Structure formats: C-alpha cells, structure tokens
PDB file of N, CA and C in Angstrom:
ATOM      1  N   UNK A   1      61.424-111.459  57.900  1.00  0.00           N
ATOM      2  CA  UNK A   1      61.301-110.034  57.821  1.00  0.00           C
ATOM      3  C   UNK A   1      60.236-109.686  56.783  1.00  0.00           C
ATOM      4  N   UNK A   2      59.327-108.816  57.140  1.00  0.00           N
ATOM      5  CA  UNK A   2      58.303-108.318  56.228  1.00  0.00           C
ATOM      6  C   UNK A   2      58.249-106.803  56.343  1.00  0.00           C
ATOM      7  N   UNK A   3      57.481-106.154  55.455  1.00  0.00           N
ATOM      8  CA  UNK A   3      57.363-104.697  55.539  1.00  0.00           C
ATOM      9  C   UNK A   3      56.682-104.281  56.840  1.00  0.00           C
ATOM     10  N   UNK A   4      55.854-105.165  57.410  1.00  0.00           N
ATOM     11  CA  UNK A   4      55.199-104.862  58.689  1.00  0.00           C
ATOM     12  C   UNK A   4      56.111-105.156  59.874  1.00  0.00           C
ATOM     13  N   UNK A   5      57.135-105.956  59.647  1.00  0.00           N
ATOM     14  CA  UNK A   5      58.040-106.348  60.713  1.00  0.00           C
ATOM     15  C   UNK A   5      59.478-106.325  60.185  1.00  0.00           C
ATOM     16  N   UNK A   6      60.055-105.114  60.016  1.00  0.00           N
ATOM     17  CA  UNK A   6      61.395-105.046  59.441  1.00  0.00           C
ATOM     18  C   UNK A   6      62.447-105.647  60.358  1.00  0.00           C
ATOM     19  N   UNK A   7      63.536-106.072  59.758  1.00  0.00           N
ATOM     20  CA  UNK A   7      64.656-106.643  60.499  1.00  0.00           C
ATOM     21  C   UNK A   7      65.416-105.501  61.169  1.00  0.00           C
ATOM     22  N   UNK A   8      65.395-105.447  62.481  1.00  0.00           N
ATOM     23  CA  UNK A   8      66.033-104.356  63.205  1.00  0.00           C
ATOM     24  C   UNK A   8      67.270-104.810  63.978  1.00  0.00           C
ATOM     25  N   UNK A   9      67.734-106.036  63.712  1.00  0.00           N
ATOM     26  CA  UNK A   9      68.941-106.502  64.394  1.00  0.00           C
ATOM     27  C   UNK A   9      70.091-105.548  64.114  1.00  0.00           C
ATOM     28  N   UNK A  10      70.868-105.258  65.145  1.00  0.00           N
ATOM     29  CA  UNK A  10      72.056-104.430  64.959  1.00  0.00           C
ATOM     30  C   UNK A  10      73.228-105.326  64.590  1.00  0.00           C
ATOM     31  N   UNK A  11      73.947-104.909  63.574  1.00  0.00           N
ATOM     32  CA  UNK A  11      75.090-105.667  63.099  1.00  0.00           C
ATOM     33  C   UNK A  11      76.333-104.794  63.267  1.00  0.00           C
ATOM     34  N   UNK A  12      77.367-105.382  63.831  1.00  0.00           N
ATOM     35  CA  UNK A  12      78.621-104.673  64.041  1.00  0.00           C
ATOM     36  C   UNK A  12      79.572-104.984  62.888  1.00  0.00           C
ATOM     37  N   UNK A  13      80.172-103.939  62.329  1.00  0.00           N
ATOM     38  CA  UNK A  13      81.147-104.122  61.252  1.00  0.00           C
ATOM     39  C   UNK A  13      82.315-103.174  61.464  1.00  0.00           C
ATOM     40  N   UNK A  14      83.418-103.542  60.865  1.00  0.00           N
ATOM     41  CA  UNK A  14      84.617-102.715  60.892  1.00  0.00           C
ATOM     42  C   UNK A  14      84.760-102.050  59.529  1.00  0.00           C
ATOM     43  N   UNK A  15      85.071-100.774  59.532  1.00  0.00           N
ATOM     44  CA  UNK A  15      85.354-100.060  58.288  1.00  0.00           C
ATOM     45  C   UNK A  15      86.578 -99.178  58.507  1.00  0.00           C
ATOM     46  N   UNK A  16      87.175 -98.761  57.410  1.00  0.00           N
ATOM     47  CA  UNK A  16      88.279 -97.805  57.459  1.00  0.00           C
ATOM     48  C   UNK A  16      87.746 -96.468  56.977  1.00  0.00           C
ATOM     49  N   UNK A  17      87.989 -95.470  57.780  1.00  0.00           N
ATOM     50  CA  UNK A  17      87.629 -94.103  57.413  1.00  0.00           C
ATOM     51  C   UNK A  17      88.964 -93.390  57.266  1.00  0.00           C
ATOM     52  N   UNK A  18      89.358 -93.188  56.016  1.00  0.00           N
ATOM     53  CA  UNK A  18      90.712 -92.713  55.769  1.00  0.00           C
ATOM     54  C   UNK A  18      91.674 -93.813  56.194  1.00  0.00           C
ATOM     55  N   UNK A  19      92.586 -93.480  57.083  1.00  0.00           N
ATOM     56  CA  UNK A  19      93.544 -94.480  57.577  1.00  0.00           C
ATOM     57  C   UNK A  19      93.101 -95.108  58.888  1.00  0.00           C
ATOM     58  N   UNK A  20      92.020 -94.608  59.452  1.00  0.00           N
ATOM     59  CA  UNK A  20      91.578 -95.061  60.773  1.00  0.00           C
ATOM     60  C   UNK A  20      90.571 -96.203  60.642  1.00  0.00           C
ATOM     61  N   UNK A  21      90.809 -97.275  61.360  1.00  0.00           N
ATOM     62  CA  UNK A  21      89.870 -98.398  61.408  1.00  0.00           C
ATOM     63  C   UNK A  21      88.906 -98.144  62.553  1.00  0.00           C
ATOM     64  N   UNK A  22      87.624 -98.306  62.295  1.00  0.00           N
ATOM     65  CA  UNK A  22      86.622 -98.073  63.331  1.00  0.00           C
ATOM     66  C   UNK A  22      85.546 -99.146  63.251  1.00  0.00           C
ATOM     67  N   UNK A  23      84.816 -99.271  64.313  1.00  0.00           N
ATOM     68  CA  UNK A  23      83.745-100.257  64.405  1.00  0.00           C
ATOM     69  C   UNK A  23      82.463 -99.522  64.762  1.00  0.00           C
ATOM     70  N   UNK A  24      81.371 -99.871  64.095  1.00  0.00           N
ATOM     71  CA  UNK A  24      80.092 -99.320  64.504  1.00  0.00           C
ATOM     72  C   UNK A  24      78.971-100.275  64.163  1.00  0.00           C
ATOM     73  N   UNK A  25      77.825-100.007  64.783  1.00  0.00           N
ATOM     74  CA  UNK A  25      76.669-100.895  64.661  1.00  0.00           C
ATOM     75  C   UNK A  25      75.527-100.169  63.961  1.00  0.00           C
ATOM     76  N   UNK A  26      74.914-100.883  63.033  1.00  0.00           N
ATOM     77  CA  UNK A  26      73.746-100.375  62.322  1.00  0.00           C
ATOM     78  C   UNK A  26      72.755-101.520  62.148  1.00  0.00           C
ATOM     79  N   UNK A  27      71.505-101.160  61.945  1.00  0.00           N
ATOM     80  CA  UNK A  27      70.493-102.171  61.628  1.00  0.00           C
ATOM     81  C   UNK A  27      70.864-102.823  60.296  1.00  0.00           C
ATOM     82  N   UNK A  28      70.480-104.066  60.138  1.00  0.00           N
ATOM     83  CA  UNK A  28      70.860-104.799  58.923  1.00  0.00           C
ATOM     84  C   UNK A  28      70.366-104.097  57.657  1.00  0.00           C
ATOM     85  N   UNK A  29      69.158-103.507  57.701  1.00  0.00           N
ATOM     86  CA  UNK A  29      68.650-102.821  56.509  1.00  0.00           C
ATOM     87  C   UNK A  29      69.545-101.639  56.141  1.00  0.00           C
ATOM     88  N   UNK A  30      70.123-100.975  57.143  1.00  0.00           N
ATOM     89  CA  UNK A  30      70.985 -99.835  56.874  1.00  0.00           C
ATOM     90  C   UNK A  30      72.289-100.303  56.226  1.00  0.00           C
ATOM     91  N   UNK A  31      72.866-101.390  56.739  1.00  0.00           N
ATOM     92  CA  UNK A  31      74.071-101.952  56.128  1.00  0.00           C
ATOM     93  C   UNK A  31      73.797-102.337  54.675  1.00  0.00           C
ATOM     94  N   UNK A  32      72.670-103.015  54.448  1.00  0.00           N
ATOM     95  CA  UNK A  32      72.337-103.447  53.089  1.00  0.00           C
ATOM     96  C   UNK A  32      72.223-102.250  52.152  1.00  0.00           C
ATOM     97  N   UNK A  33      71.530-101.208  52.611  1.00  0.00           N
ATOM     98  CA  UNK A  33      71.354-100.015  51.779  1.00  0.00           C
ATOM     99  C   UNK A  33      72.698 -99.322  51.547  1.00  0.00           C
ATOM    100  N   UNK A  34      73.519 -99.211  52.591  1.00  0.00           N
ATOM    101  CA  UNK A  34      74.818 -98.556  52.465  1.00  0.00           C
ATOM    102  C   UNK A  34      75.708 -99.295  51.456  1.00  0.00           C
ATOM    103  N   UNK A  35      75.722-100.599  51.525  1.00  0.00           N
ATOM    104  CA  UNK A  35      76.510-101.397  50.577  1.00  0.00           C
ATOM    105  C   UNK A  35      75.986-101.234  49.153  1.00  0.00           C
ATOM    106  N   UNK A  36      74.669-101.182  48.991  1.00  0.00           N
ATOM    107  CA  UNK A  36      74.075-100.993  47.663  1.00  0.00           C
ATOM    108  C   UNK A  36      74.428 -99.618  47.095  1.00  0.00           C
ATOM    109  N   UNK A  37      74.404 -98.590  47.941  1.00  0.00           N
ATOM    110  CA  UNK A  37      74.754 -97.240  47.494  1.00  0.00           C
ATOM    111  C   UNK A  37      76.220 -97.195  47.078  1.00  0.00           C
ATOM    112  N   UNK A  38      77.091 -97.798  47.875  1.00  0.00           N
ATOM    113  CA  UNK A  38      78.513 -97.832  47.532  1.00  0.00           C
ATOM    114  C   UNK A  38      78.717 -98.506  46.178  1.00  0.00           C
ATOM    115  N   UNK A  39      78.059 -99.627  45.972  1.00  0.00           N
ATOM    116  CA  UNK A  39      78.183-100.346  44.706  1.00  0.00           C
ATOM    117  C   UNK A  39      77.654 -99.498  43.546  1.00  0.00           C
ATOM    118  N   UNK A  40      76.514 -98.860  43.754  1.00  0.00           N
ATOM    119  CA  UNK A  40      75.899 -98.014  42.729  1.00  0.00           C
ATOM    120  C   UNK A  40      76.826 -96.862  42.336  1.00  0.00           C
ATOM    121  N   UNK A  41      77.606 -96.368  43.294  1.00  0.00           N
ATOM    122  CA  UNK A  41      78.507 -95.245  43.040  1.00  0.00           C
ATOM    123  C   UNK A  41      79.936 -95.704  42.713  1.00  0.00           C
ATOM    124  N   UNK A  42      80.100 -97.018  42.518  1.00  0.00           N
ATOM    125  CA  UNK A  42      81.414 -97.602  42.217  1.00  0.00           C
ATOM    126  C   UNK A  42      82.459 -97.239  43.273  1.00  0.00           C
ATOM    127  N   UNK A  43      82.045 -97.292  44.530  1.00  0.00           N
ATOM    128  CA  UNK A  43      82.933 -97.030  45.658  1.00  0.00           C
ATOM    129  C   UNK A  43      82.990 -98.264  46.538  1.00  0.00           C
ATOM    130  N   UNK A  44      84.076 -98.384  47.280  1.00  0.00           N
ATOM    131  CA  UNK A  44      84.102 -99.410  48.319  1.00  0.00           C
ATOM    132  C   UNK A  44      83.309 -98.866  49.507  1.00  0.00           C
ATOM    133  N   UNK A  45      82.939 -99.735  50.403  1.00  0.00           N
ATOM    134  CA  UNK A  45      82.242 -99.305  51.614  1.00  0.00           C
ATOM    135  C   UNK A  45      83.119 -98.333  52.398  1.00  0.00           C
ATOM    136  N   UNK A  46      84.409 -98.609  52.475  1.00  0.00           N
ATOM    137  CA  UNK A  46      85.331 -97.720  53.181  1.00  0.00           C
ATOM    138  C   UNK A  46      85.372 -96.331  52.538  1.00  0.00           C
ATOM    139  N   UNK A  47      85.405 -96.277  51.208  1.00  0.00           N
ATOM    140  CA  UNK A  47      85.440 -94.988  50.521  1.00  0.00           C
ATOM    141  C   UNK A  47      84.166 -94.193  50.771  1.00  0.00           C
ATOM    142  N   UNK A  48      83.016 -94.862  50.725  1.00  0.00           N
ATOM    143  CA  UNK A  48      81.754 -94.174  50.979  1.00  0.00           C
ATOM    144  C   UNK A  48      81.700 -93.666  52.413  1.00  0.00           C
ATOM    145  N   UNK A  49      82.125 -94.466  53.371  1.00  0.00           N
ATOM    146  CA  UNK A  49      82.125 -94.034  54.770  1.00  0.00           C
ATOM    147  C   UNK A  49      83.046 -92.835  54.965  1.00  0.00           C
ATOM    148  N   UNK A  50      84.172 -92.829  54.273  1.00  0.00           N
ATOM    149  CA  UNK A  50      85.090 -91.695  54.351  1.00  0.00           C
ATOM    150  C   UNK A  50      84.427 -90.437  53.801  1.00  0.00           C
ATOM    151  N   UNK A  51      83.680 -90.569  52.700  1.00  0.00           N
ATOM    152  CA  UNK A  51      82.959 -89.418  52.142  1.00  0.00           C
ATOM    153  C   UNK A  51      81.880 -88.911  53.102  1.00  0.00           C
ATOM    154  N   UNK A  52      81.184 -89.825  53.751  1.00  0.00           N
ATOM    155  CA  UNK A  52      80.141 -89.426  54.703  1.00  0.00           C
ATOM    156  C   UNK A  52      80.757 -88.642  55.860  1.00  0.00           C
ATOM    157  N   UNK A  53      81.878 -89.119  56.375  1.00  0.00           N
ATOM    158  CA  UNK A  53      82.553 -88.418  57.470  1.00  0.00           C
ATOM    159  C   UNK A  53      82.943 -87.001  57.039  1.00  0.00           C
ATOM    160  N   UNK A  54      83.373 -86.855  55.784  1.00  0.00           N
ATOM    161  CA  UNK A  54      83.834 -85.548  55.294  1.00  0.00           C
ATOM    162  C   UNK A  54      82.730 -84.495  55.304  1.00  0.00           C
ATOM    163  N   UNK A  55      81.461 -84.913  55.205  1.00  0.00           N
ATOM    164  CA  UNK A  55      80.353 -83.945  55.168  1.00  0.00           C
ATOM    165  C   UNK A  55      79.545 -83.933  56.467  1.00  0.00           C
ATOM    166  N   UNK A  56      80.054 -84.598  57.481  1.00  0.00           N
ATOM    167  CA  UNK A  56      79.336 -84.715  58.752  1.00  0.00           C
ATOM    168  C   UNK A  56      79.940 -83.762  59.778  1.00  0.00           C
ATOM    169  N   UNK A  57      79.082 -83.167  60.587  1.00  0.00           N
ATOM    170  CA  UNK A  57      79.556 -82.295  61.662  1.00  0.00           C
ATOM    171  C   UNK A  57      80.503 -83.080  62.564  1.00  0.00           C
ATOM    172  N   UNK A  58      81.580 -82.451  63.023  1.00  0.00           N
ATOM    173  CA  UNK A  58      82.592 -83.162  63.822  1.00  0.00           C
ATOM    174  C   UNK A  58      82.040 -83.789  65.107  1.00  0.00           C
ATOM    175  N   UNK A  59      80.993 -83.227  65.663  1.00  0.00           N
ATOM    176  CA  UNK A  59      80.453 -83.745  66.921  1.00  0.00           C
ATOM    177  C   UNK A  59      79.350 -84.774  66.706  1.00  0.00           C
ATOM    178  N   UNK A  60      79.030 -85.071  65.457  1.00  0.00           N
ATOM    179  CA  UNK A  60      77.916 -85.976  65.155  1.00  0.00           C
ATOM    180  C   UNK A  60      78.301 -87.432  65.371  1.00  0.00           C
ATOM    181  N   UNK A  61      77.311 -88.218  65.696  1.00  0.00           N
ATOM    182  CA  UNK A  61      77.469 -89.665  65.770  1.00  0.00           C
ATOM    183  C   UNK A  61      77.605 -90.196  64.347  1.00  0.00           C
ATOM    184  N   UNK A  62      78.627 -91.010  64.106  1.00  0.00           N
ATOM    185  CA  UNK A  62      78.812 -91.538  62.761  1.00  0.00           C
ATOM    186  C   UNK A  62      77.654 -92.444  62.368  1.00  0.00           C
ATOM    187  N   UNK A  63      77.168 -93.251  63.285  1.00  0.00           N
ATOM    188  CA  UNK A  63      76.031 -94.132  62.972  1.00  0.00           C
ATOM    189  C   UNK A  63      74.807 -93.313  62.560  1.00  0.00           C
ATOM    190  N   UNK A  64      74.551 -92.228  63.267  1.00  0.00           N
ATOM    191  CA  UNK A  64      73.415 -91.358  62.923  1.00  0.00           C
ATOM    192  C   UNK A  64      73.641 -90.713  61.561  1.00  0.00           C
ATOM    193  N   UNK A  65      74.873 -90.297  61.289  1.00  0.00           N
ATOM    194  CA  UNK A  65      75.184 -89.684  59.997  1.00  0.00           C
ATOM    195  C   UNK A  65      74.952 -90.668  58.857  1.00  0.00           C
ATOM    196  N   UNK A  66      75.324 -91.923  59.063  1.00  0.00           N
ATOM    197  CA  UNK A  66      75.114 -92.938  58.027  1.00  0.00           C
ATOM    198  C   UNK A  66      73.619 -93.150  57.797  1.00  0.00           C
ATOM    199  N   UNK A  67      72.841 -93.237  58.872  1.00  0.00           N
ATOM    200  CA  UNK A  67      71.390 -93.401  58.706  1.00  0.00           C
ATOM    201  C   UNK A  67      70.793 -92.220  57.942  1.00  0.00           C
ATOM    202  N   UNK A  68      71.204 -91.000  58.269  1.00  0.00           N
ATOM    203  CA  UNK A  68      70.716 -89.813  57.552  1.00  0.00           C
ATOM    204  C   UNK A  68      71.121 -89.858  56.083  1.00  0.00           C
ATOM    205  N   UNK A  69      72.344 -90.273  55.830  1.00  0.00           N
ATOM    206  CA  UNK A  69      72.830 -90.361  54.457  1.00  0.00           C
ATOM    207  C   UNK A  69      71.995 -91.361  53.655  1.00  0.00           C
ATOM    208  N   UNK A  70      71.789 -92.528  54.226  1.00  0.00           N
ATOM    209  CA  UNK A  70      71.027 -93.572  53.529  1.00  0.00           C
ATOM    210  C   UNK A  70      69.598 -93.109  53.273  1.00  0.00           C
ATOM    211  N   UNK A  71      68.948 -92.554  54.286  1.00  0.00           N
ATOM    212  CA  UNK A  71      67.572 -92.092  54.105  1.00  0.00           C
ATOM    213  C   UNK A  71      67.507 -90.940  53.108  1.00  0.00           C
ATOM    214  N   UNK A  72      68.494 -90.058  53.145  1.00  0.00           N
ATOM    215  CA  UNK A  72      68.541 -88.968  52.170  1.00  0.00           C
ATOM    216  C   UNK A  72      68.697 -89.490  50.759  1.00  0.00           C
ATOM    217  N   UNK A  73      69.569 -90.475  50.593  1.00  0.00           N
ATOM    218  CA  UNK A  73      69.785 -91.071  49.271  1.00  0.00           C
ATOM    219  C   UNK A  73      68.496 -91.714  48.755  1.00  0.00           C
ATOM    220  N   UNK A  74      67.824 -92.433  49.617  1.00  0.00           N
ATOM    221  CA  UNK A  74      66.570 -93.082  49.222  1.00  0.00           C
ATOM    222  C   UNK A  74      65.515 -92.037  48.879  1.00  0.00           C
ATOM    223  N   UNK A  75      65.389 -91.004  49.708  1.00  0.00           N
ATOM    224  CA  UNK A  75      64.354 -89.993  49.451  1.00  0.00           C
ATOM    225  C   UNK A  75      64.649 -89.204  48.183  1.00  0.00           C
ATOM    226  N   UNK A  76      65.931 -89.062  47.827  1.00  0.00           N
ATOM    227  CA  UNK A  76      66.281 -88.362  46.590  1.00  0.00           C
ATOM    228  C   UNK A  76      65.767 -89.095  45.354  1.00  0.00           C
ATOM    229  N   UNK A  77      65.471 -90.369  45.490  1.00  0.00           N
ATOM    230  CA  UNK A  77      64.969 -91.157  44.362  1.00  0.00           C
ATOM    231  C   UNK A  77      63.469 -90.955  44.130  1.00  0.00           C
ATOM    232  N   UNK A  78      62.800 -90.307  45.084  1.00  0.00           N
ATOM    233  CA  UNK A  78      61.347 -90.124  45.010  1.00  0.00           C
ATOM    234  C   UNK A  78      61.057 -88.766  44.381  1.00  0.00           C
ATOM    235  N   UNK A  79      60.230 -88.714  43.328  1.00  0.00           N
ATOM    236  CA  UNK A  79      59.899 -87.431  42.699  1.00  0.00           C
ATOM    237  C   UNK A  79      59.170 -86.502  43.682  1.00  0.00           C
ATOM    238  N   UNK A  80      59.360 -85.194  43.518  1.00  0.00           N
ATOM    239  CA  UNK A  80      58.742 -84.203  44.400  1.00  0.00           C
ATOM    240  C   UNK A  80      57.242 -84.420  44.567  1.00  0.00           C
ATOM    241  N   UNK A  81      56.564 -84.709  43.484  1.00  0.00           N
ATOM    242  CA  UNK A  81      55.098 -84.813  43.541  1.00  0.00           C
ATOM    243  C   UNK A  81      54.618 -86.022  44.354  1.00  0.00           C
ATOM    244  N   UNK A  82      55.506 -86.946  44.660  1.00  0.00           N
ATOM    245  CA  UNK A  82      55.124 -88.114  45.446  1.00  0.00           C
ATOM    246  C   UNK A  82      55.504 -88.006  46.919  1.00  0.00           C
ATOM    247  N   UNK A  83      56.203 -86.935  47.284  1.00  0.00           N
ATOM    248  CA  UNK A  83      56.623 -86.760  48.672  1.00  0.00           C
ATOM    249  C   UNK A  83      55.542 -86.078  49.495  1.00  0.00           C
ATOM    250  N   UNK A  84      55.393 -86.481  50.756  1.00  0.00           N
ATOM    251  CA  UNK A  84      54.495 -85.739  51.650  1.00  0.00           C
ATOM    252  C   UNK A  84      55.049 -84.329  51.858  1.00  0.00           C
ATOM    253  N   UNK A  85      54.176 -83.390  52.187  1.00  0.00           N
ATOM    254  CA  UNK A  85      54.575 -81.985  52.339  1.00  0.00           C
ATOM    255  C   UNK A  85      55.746 -81.799  53.300  1.00  0.00           C
ATOM    256  N   UNK A  86      55.756 -82.556  54.414  1.00  0.00           N
ATOM    257  CA  UNK A  86      56.823 -82.395  55.405  1.00  0.00           C
ATOM    258  C   UNK A  86      58.191 -82.739  54.805  1.00  0.00           C
ATOM    259  N   UNK A  87      58.248 -83.807  54.026  1.00  0.00           N
ATOM    260  CA  UNK A  87      59.514 -84.210  53.417  1.00  0.00           C
ATOM    261  C   UNK A  87      59.886 -83.303  52.252  1.00  0.00           C
ATOM    262  N   UNK A  88      58.892 -82.829  51.545  1.00  0.00           N
ATOM    263  CA  UNK A  88      59.154 -81.902  50.449  1.00  0.00           C
ATOM    264  C   UNK A  88      59.760 -80.610  50.997  1.00  0.00           C
ATOM    265  N   UNK A  89      59.269 -80.159  52.132  1.00  0.00           N
ATOM    266  CA  UNK A  89      59.815 -78.965  52.772  1.00  0.00           C
ATOM    267  C   UNK A  89      61.279 -79.177  53.157  1.00  0.00           C
ATOM    268  N   UNK A  90      61.586 -80.350  53.706  1.00  0.00           N
ATOM    269  CA  UNK A  90      62.980 -80.658  54.048  1.00  0.00           C
ATOM    270  C   UNK A  90      63.865 -80.651  52.805  1.00  0.00           C
ATOM    271  N   UNK A  91      63.359 -81.205  51.723  1.00  0.00           N
ATOM    272  CA  UNK A  91      64.135 -81.246  50.476  1.00  0.00           C
ATOM    273  C   UNK A  91      64.391 -79.836  49.972  1.00  0.00           C
ATOM    274  N   UNK A  92      63.367 -78.992  50.009  1.00  0.00           N
ATOM    275  CA  UNK A  92      63.511 -77.618  49.498  1.00  0.00           C
ATOM    276  C   UNK A  92      64.487 -76.801  50.326  1.00  0.00           C
ATOM    277  N   UNK A  93      64.505 -77.056  51.635  1.00  0.00           N
ATOM    278  CA  UNK A  93      65.359 -76.272  52.515  1.00  0.00           C
ATOM    279  C   UNK A  93      66.714 -76.923  52.731  1.00  0.00           C
ATOM    280  N   UNK A  94      66.927 -78.050  52.112  1.00  0.00           N
ATOM    281  CA  UNK A  94      68.194 -78.761  52.267  1.00  0.00           C
ATOM    282  C   UNK A  94      68.259 -79.462  53.602  1.00  0.00           C
ATOM    283  N   UNK A  95      69.211 -80.326  53.726  1.00  0.00           N
ATOM    284  CA  UNK A  95      69.398 -81.046  54.988  1.00  0.00           C
ATOM    285  C   UNK A  95      70.885 -81.154  55.249  1.00  0.00           C
ATOM    286  N   UNK A  96      71.219 -81.183  56.494  1.00  0.00           N
ATOM    287  CA  UNK A  96      72.617 -81.315  56.910  1.00  0.00           C
ATOM    288  C   UNK A  96      72.748 -82.550  57.756  1.00  0.00           C
ATOM    289  N   UNK A  97      73.830 -83.244  57.598  1.00  0.00           N
ATOM    290  CA  UNK A  97      74.106 -84.398  58.457  1.00  0.00           C
ATOM    291  C   UNK A  97      74.701 -83.867  59.738  1.00  0.00           C
ATOM    292  N   UNK A  98      74.000 -84.062  60.840  1.00  0.00           N
ATOM    293  CA  UNK A  98      74.469 -83.567  62.122  1.00  0.00           C
ATOM    294  C   UNK A  98      74.445 -84.661  63.146  1.00  0.00           C
TER     295      UNK A  98
END
C-alpha cells in the first residue's frame, strides 16, 4: 500500500451498538482510523460506534456515517488556512452525518 495506491480492501467486523450486535464492512484504512480515534478519545470501538449512531440520521447507512465521521475528524485536525475553499466552506456551514 502506498499513497498512490491505498489499501481499499473491505474488511468485515462485528461491533455492538448499544445492546445490538451488528456487522458491517469498511475499507481497512477506515477501520484503522476509527480504532485510532476511539483510542484517542479513550473509548472502545463499540462505544464510539454507539456515539456515531446517536448523531446519525435514522435512514442513513451506518457505513457511510462512519466514513463521514472519520473524514470529519481528520479534517478537523487541519487548520483553516490550509484547507481548500470548498472544504473550508463545508466547515463554516457545518456538516451533518446523513
């Protein structure tokens, strides 16, 4: 895997969202980032997934919500002056997980 050829394999994992056990597939980079965010926030993966569900529209795909969450978390680490105008506009207007 290189920056020109990212690892896009889909990996299936089981998580608990509240009391419900569910299975979903994400690219390996997304799993890695999600696990790192959970660790950074002193949460288990299950706890973080439960939090993501709590702020996600009821009709949204959970996998899509996780990808949006991860990308949002990463983009929040970038200072405003380093963001392209399109992303800066999204930051200023807020974003919703849908």
